[in-house]
């Protein structure tokens, strides 16, 4: 809301260009229609355009197709070069495996010349999760259906428990994703990897939201290190959990701002970047 107010103030002051630097674009996960729900990301894009923004610099959108919601240019920068550099400098032998987000992990594995394993499935919901309303609305009893209408029943999906496809015994496992917020799935995956003989477990993500009890869960888990960038402030979480490490990406943001201000090409910041990055 503060960004919208500032942008509108600049617009009414006849600013020629209004460029928003939003390293973590909020509501980026809500970019698809789910159970007739609202696409909040589209709403936010419309609000930014209405407020007067003419350009946005962001980083690692959850879905790259989100750029199509905007009526003005969007520069979706990548944090992968910084995270890959961290792996090369800080992660030692034995040779690691890269896991989790299949396309992103494959891109990391190909650039680092590493093996690839895939984590499939998800942590099973507990009874408390089922009761807290996230699976609402409840099934309607005695629903009225037109006598002549017989619709085929769509069976509900049920994901299998977490399994690992690939050999991680005696290796360093690197779990790669774009956002780490609720860490239950990462903790469950780390437990499975430890059971499969993984030597060390690293979790790497661009945006470290680390909400609720995430620092405590990470500290008590089998995860050896969580590496995130500083797109989102997390100093308090780092004080609560020494396993959380930060990679600074301010360099690429400042260079993007400089190039746009001077009218220079942005292509240099996207060299060797592919769709999977």
Protein backbone atom coordinates (compact mmCIF):
# COMPACT_ATOMS: atom_id res chain seq x y z
CA UNK A 1 0.00 0.00 0.00
CA UNK A 2 2.87 2.38 0.78
CA UNK A 3 4.35 1.64 -2.65
CA UNK A 4 1.03 2.42 -4.34
CA UNK A 5 0.70 5.72 -2.46
CA UNK A 6 4.27 6.79 -3.28
CA UNK A 7 3.85 5.82 -6.94
CA UNK A 8 0.61 7.75 -7.21
CA UNK A 9 2.22 10.80 -5.60
CA UNK A 10 4.99 10.67 -8.21
CA UNK A 11 2.44 10.23 -10.99
CA UNK A 12 0.49 13.32 -9.91
CA UNK A 13 3.81 15.18 -9.77
CA UNK A 14 4.27 14.44 -13.49
CA UNK A 15 7.20 12.02 -13.10
CA UNK A 16 8.28 10.71 -16.50
CA UNK A 17 9.14 7.18 -15.31
CA UNK A 18 8.24 5.41 -12.06
CA UNK A 19 10.27 2.24 -11.51
CA UNK A 20 9.45 -0.08 -8.64
CA UNK A 21 12.17 -2.29 -7.17
CA UNK A 22 10.37 -5.25 -5.56
CA UNK A 23 12.92 -8.04 -4.91
CA UNK A 24 10.21 -10.36 -3.53
CA UNK A 25 6.95 -9.88 -5.38
CA UNK A 26 4.11 -10.56 -2.90
CA UNK A 27 1.28 -12.98 -3.68
CA UNK A 28 3.37 -14.51 -6.48
CA UNK A 29 2.15 -17.98 -5.52
CA UNK A 30 -1.43 -16.89 -6.09
CA UNK A 31 -1.08 -16.67 -9.85
CA UNK A 32 -3.28 -19.63 -10.82
CA UNK A 33 -6.96 -20.30 -10.50
CA UNK A 34 -7.59 -22.87 -7.78
CA UNK A 35 -11.10 -23.97 -6.88
CA UNK A 36 -12.58 -20.78 -8.39
CA UNK A 37 -10.33 -18.69 -6.15
CA UNK A 38 -9.12 -15.20 -6.95
CA UNK A 39 -5.90 -14.58 -8.87
CA UNK A 40 -4.45 -12.01 -6.48
CA UNK A 41 -1.27 -11.56 -8.51
CA UNK A 42 -3.30 -10.22 -11.45
CA UNK A 43 -5.11 -7.80 -9.14
CA UNK A 44 -1.80 -6.54 -7.75
CA UNK A 45 -0.42 -6.01 -11.27
CA UNK A 46 -3.47 -3.95 -12.19
CA UNK A 47 -3.16 -1.86 -9.02
CA UNK A 48 0.51 -1.11 -9.69
CA UNK A 49 -0.29 -0.01 -13.24
CA UNK A 50 -3.18 2.15 -12.03
CA UNK A 51 -0.93 3.82 -9.44
CA UNK A 52 1.42 4.89 -12.23
CA UNK A 53 4.35 2.47 -12.22
CA UNK A 54 6.03 2.17 -15.62
CA UNK A 55 8.63 -0.53 -14.89
CA UNK A 56 9.32 -3.18 -12.23
CA UNK A 57 12.54 -4.87 -11.16
CA UNK A 58 11.97 -8.09 -9.27
CA UNK A 59 13.72 -11.40 -8.65
CA UNK A 60 12.79 -15.05 -9.21
CA UNK A 61 9.04 -14.83 -9.68
CA UNK A 62 7.33 -18.02 -8.50
CA UNK A 63 5.81 -18.39 -11.97
CA UNK A 64 7.56 -16.60 -14.83
CA UNK A 65 4.23 -16.30 -16.64
CA UNK A 66 3.25 -13.67 -14.04
CA UNK A 67 5.02 -11.12 -16.25
CA UNK A 68 2.09 -11.44 -18.66
CA UNK A 69 -0.22 -9.86 -16.07
CA UNK A 70 1.58 -6.52 -16.40
CA UNK A 71 0.99 -3.86 -19.04
CA UNK A 72 4.53 -2.48 -18.60
CA UNK A 73 8.06 -3.99 -18.66
CA UNK A 74 9.09 -6.40 -15.89
CA UNK A 75 12.74 -7.40 -15.35
CA UNK A 76 12.72 -10.76 -13.56
CA UNK A 77 16.31 -11.06 -12.36
CA UNK A 78 17.81 -14.37 -11.19
CA UNK A 79 19.56 -15.23 -7.95
CA UNK A 80 20.94 -18.54 -9.24
CA UNK A 81 24.43 -17.16 -10.13
CA UNK A 82 24.91 -16.05 -6.51
CA UNK A 83 23.62 -19.33 -5.05
CA UNK A 84 25.73 -21.41 -7.45
CA UNK A 85 28.79 -19.35 -6.47
CA UNK A 86 28.02 -20.09 -2.81
CA UNK A 87 27.88 -23.82 -3.56
CA UNK A 88 31.22 -23.69 -5.36
CA UNK A 89 32.93 -21.77 -2.56
CA UNK A 90 31.32 -23.14 0.60
CA UNK A 91 30.06 -26.67 -0.09
CA UNK A 92 32.89 -29.19 0.07
CA UNK A 93 33.26 -32.81 -1.03
CA UNK A 94 31.93 -35.49 -1.27
CA UNK A 95 30.23 -34.55 -4.53
CA UNK A 96 26.71 -33.29 -3.87
CA UNK A 97 23.37 -34.17 -5.43
CA UNK A 98 20.86 -31.46 -6.29
CA UNK A 99 17.23 -32.16 -5.50
CA UNK A 100 13.63 -30.98 -5.07
CA UNK A 101 12.31 -28.50 -7.67
CA UNK A 102 12.93 -30.59 -10.78
CA UNK A 103 13.49 -27.91 -13.47
CA UNK A 104 15.42 -25.58 -11.19
CA UNK A 105 17.46 -28.44 -9.71
CA UNK A 106 18.28 -29.75 -13.17
CA UNK A 107 19.58 -26.34 -14.18
CA UNK A 108 21.81 -26.20 -11.07
CA UNK A 109 23.04 -29.75 -11.63
CA UNK A 110 23.97 -29.08 -15.27
CA UNK A 111 25.88 -25.90 -14.43
CA UNK A 112 27.75 -27.52 -11.52
CA UNK A 113 28.25 -30.87 -13.31
CA UNK A 114 26.60 -32.71 -10.42
CA UNK A 115 24.28 -35.67 -10.06
CA UNK A 116 20.53 -35.14 -9.86
CA UNK A 117 18.01 -36.76 -7.55
CA UNK A 118 14.30 -35.99 -7.31
CA UNK A 119 12.09 -35.76 -4.23
CA UNK A 120 8.55 -36.85 -5.02
CA UNK A 121 5.39 -36.57 -2.93
CA UNK A 122 4.63 -34.45 0.10
CA UNK A 123 4.42 -34.69 3.85
CA UNK A 124 1.15 -36.23 4.98
CA UNK A 125 -1.35 -33.93 6.71
CA UNK A 126 -2.04 -34.51 10.38
CA UNK A 127 -5.50 -34.47 11.93
CA UNK A 128 -4.86 -30.94 13.18
CA UNK A 129 -4.12 -29.79 9.62
CA UNK A 130 -7.42 -31.29 8.48
CA UNK A 131 -9.33 -29.45 11.24
CA UNK A 132 -7.85 -25.98 10.84
CA UNK A 133 -9.99 -25.10 7.84
CA UNK A 134 -7.44 -25.28 5.04
CA UNK A 135 -9.52 -28.00 3.35
CA UNK A 136 -12.77 -26.03 3.71
CA UNK A 137 -15.52 -25.71 2.68
CA UNK A 138 -16.70 -29.01 4.16
CA UNK A 139 -18.70 -31.48 2.13
CA UNK A 140 -22.35 -30.52 1.92
CA UNK A 141 -24.75 -33.17 3.18
CA UNK A 142 -28.12 -33.77 1.57
CA UNK A 143 -27.29 -31.47 -1.34
CA UNK A 144 -30.12 -30.92 -3.80
CA UNK A 145 -29.35 -32.13 -7.33
CA UNK A 146 -31.61 -31.83 -10.37
CA UNK A 147 -33.24 -35.24 -10.95
CA UNK A 148 -32.14 -35.44 -14.57
CA UNK A 149 -28.56 -34.26 -13.95
CA UNK A 150 -25.95 -36.93 -13.36
CA UNK A 151 -22.42 -35.51 -13.34
CA UNK A 152 -19.44 -37.89 -13.20
CA UNK A 153 -17.65 -37.77 -9.88
CA UNK A 154 -14.06 -36.53 -10.02
CA UNK A 155 -11.90 -38.48 -7.61
CA UNK A 156 -9.78 -36.38 -5.28
CA UNK A 157 -6.02 -36.35 -5.77
CA UNK A 158 -3.86 -37.90 -3.10
CA UNK A 159 -0.13 -37.39 -3.29
CA UNK A 160 2.10 -40.22 -2.07
CA UNK A 161 4.41 -39.75 0.92
CA UNK A 162 7.84 -38.24 0.30
CA UNK A 163 10.21 -40.53 -1.57
CA UNK A 164 13.64 -39.96 -3.11
CA UNK A 165 14.43 -41.05 -6.66
CA UNK A 166 18.20 -41.40 -6.93
CA UNK A 167 21.18 -42.44 -4.82
CA UNK A 168 22.20 -39.94 -2.13
CA UNK A 169 24.16 -42.31 0.12
CA UNK A 170 27.38 -40.71 1.35
CA UNK A 171 26.73 -37.49 -0.58
CA UNK A 172 25.89 -33.88 0.21
CA UNK A 173 22.26 -33.19 -0.70
CA UNK A 174 21.28 -29.71 -1.86
CA UNK A 175 17.55 -28.99 -1.88
CA UNK A 176 16.73 -26.15 -4.29
CA UNK A 177 13.55 -24.07 -4.36
CA UNK A 178 12.51 -20.47 -4.96
CA UNK A 179 10.64 -19.77 -1.70
CA UNK A 180 11.05 -21.21 1.78
CA UNK A 181 8.19 -20.21 4.06
CA UNK A 182 6.58 -23.07 5.97
CA UNK A 183 9.50 -25.44 6.43
CA UNK A 184 7.61 -28.63 7.32
CA UNK A 185 8.08 -30.10 3.83
CA UNK A 186 11.82 -29.31 3.85
CA UNK A 187 12.22 -30.85 7.30
CA UNK A 188 10.36 -34.00 6.22
CA UNK A 189 12.51 -34.24 3.08
CA UNK A 190 15.68 -33.85 5.16
CA UNK A 191 14.61 -36.73 7.41
CA UNK A 192 14.11 -38.98 4.38
CA UNK A 193 17.51 -37.98 2.98
CA UNK A 194 19.21 -38.76 6.29
CA UNK A 195 17.57 -42.18 6.28
CA UNK A 196 18.90 -42.72 2.76
CA UNK A 197 22.43 -41.97 3.94
CA UNK A 198 22.95 -38.34 2.93
CA UNK A 199 26.14 -36.92 4.45
CA UNK A 200 25.00 -33.29 4.76
CA UNK A 201 21.81 -31.49 3.76
CA UNK A 202 21.68 -27.92 2.45
CA UNK A 203 18.49 -26.02 1.60
CA UNK A 204 18.87 -23.16 -0.88
CA UNK A 205 16.16 -20.69 -1.83
CA UNK A 206 15.92 -17.17 -3.20
CA UNK A 207 13.24 -15.83 -0.86
CA UNK A 208 13.55 -16.74 2.82
CA UNK A 209 10.21 -15.79 4.36
CA UNK A 210 10.73 -18.23 7.26
CA UNK A 211 7.43 -17.46 8.95
CA UNK A 212 5.97 -18.74 12.24
CA UNK A 213 8.16 -21.40 13.92
CA UNK A 214 10.44 -21.93 10.92
CA UNK A 215 13.71 -21.03 12.74
CA UNK A 216 12.97 -23.44 15.59
CA UNK A 217 11.97 -26.26 13.22
CA UNK A 218 15.14 -25.76 11.17
CA UNK A 219 17.32 -25.76 14.29
CA UNK A 220 15.78 -29.03 15.52
CA UNK A 221 15.85 -30.74 12.10
CA UNK A 222 18.44 -32.74 10.17
CA UNK A 223 19.12 -29.76 7.90
CA UNK A 224 22.72 -28.59 8.21
CA UNK A 225 22.32 -25.19 6.56
CA UNK A 226 19.62 -23.02 5.01
CA UNK A 227 20.97 -20.54 2.45
CA UNK A 228 18.71 -17.69 1.31
CA UNK A 229 19.24 -14.30 -0.29
CA UNK A 230 18.42 -10.94 1.27
CA UNK A 231 15.37 -10.22 -0.91
CA UNK A 232 13.37 -10.45 2.36
CA UNK A 233 14.75 -9.22 5.72
CA UNK A 234 15.33 -12.13 8.11
CA UNK A 235 17.76 -10.83 10.73
CA UNK A 236 15.48 -11.90 13.59
CA UNK A 237 15.25 -15.44 12.23
CA UNK A 238 19.04 -15.63 11.96
CA UNK A 239 19.37 -14.75 15.64
CA UNK A 240 16.99 -17.60 16.46
CA UNK A 241 18.73 -20.14 14.22
CA UNK A 242 22.46 -20.03 13.38
CA UNK A 243 21.89 -22.52 10.52
CA UNK A 244 20.41 -19.73 8.38
CA UNK A 245 22.96 -18.11 6.06
CA UNK A 246 22.50 -15.09 3.78
CA UNK A 247 23.76 -14.45 0.25
CA UNK A 248 23.82 -10.78 -0.74
CA UNK A 249 22.20 -10.02 -4.13
CA UNK A 250 22.19 -6.22 -3.83
CA UNK A 251 24.89 -6.01 -6.52
CA UNK A 252 22.62 -7.18 -9.34
CA UNK A 253 19.74 -4.97 -8.18
CA UNK A 254 21.93 -1.87 -8.05
CA UNK A 255 23.36 -2.65 -11.48
CA UNK A 256 19.83 -3.06 -12.89
CA UNK A 257 18.85 0.33 -11.44
CA UNK A 258 21.97 1.97 -12.89
CA UNK A 259 21.41 0.51 -16.37
CA UNK A 260 17.76 1.54 -16.49
CA UNK A 261 18.60 5.05 -15.24
CA UNK A 262 21.30 5.47 -17.91
CA UNK A 263 19.24 3.88 -20.68
CA UNK A 264 21.64 0.94 -21.09
CA UNK A 265 20.76 -2.58 -22.20
CA UNK A 266 19.66 -5.10 -19.54
CA UNK A 267 20.80 -8.07 -21.64
CA UNK A 268 24.11 -8.34 -19.76
CA UNK A 269 22.24 -9.27 -16.55
CA UNK A 270 20.52 -12.16 -18.34
CA UNK A 271 23.52 -13.69 -20.08
CA UNK A 272 23.51 -17.50 -20.01
CA UNK A 273 20.11 -17.43 -18.28
CA UNK A 274 17.63 -20.08 -19.43
CA UNK A 275 13.90 -20.61 -18.82
CA UNK A 276 14.66 -23.20 -16.09
CA UNK A 277 16.80 -20.80 -14.03
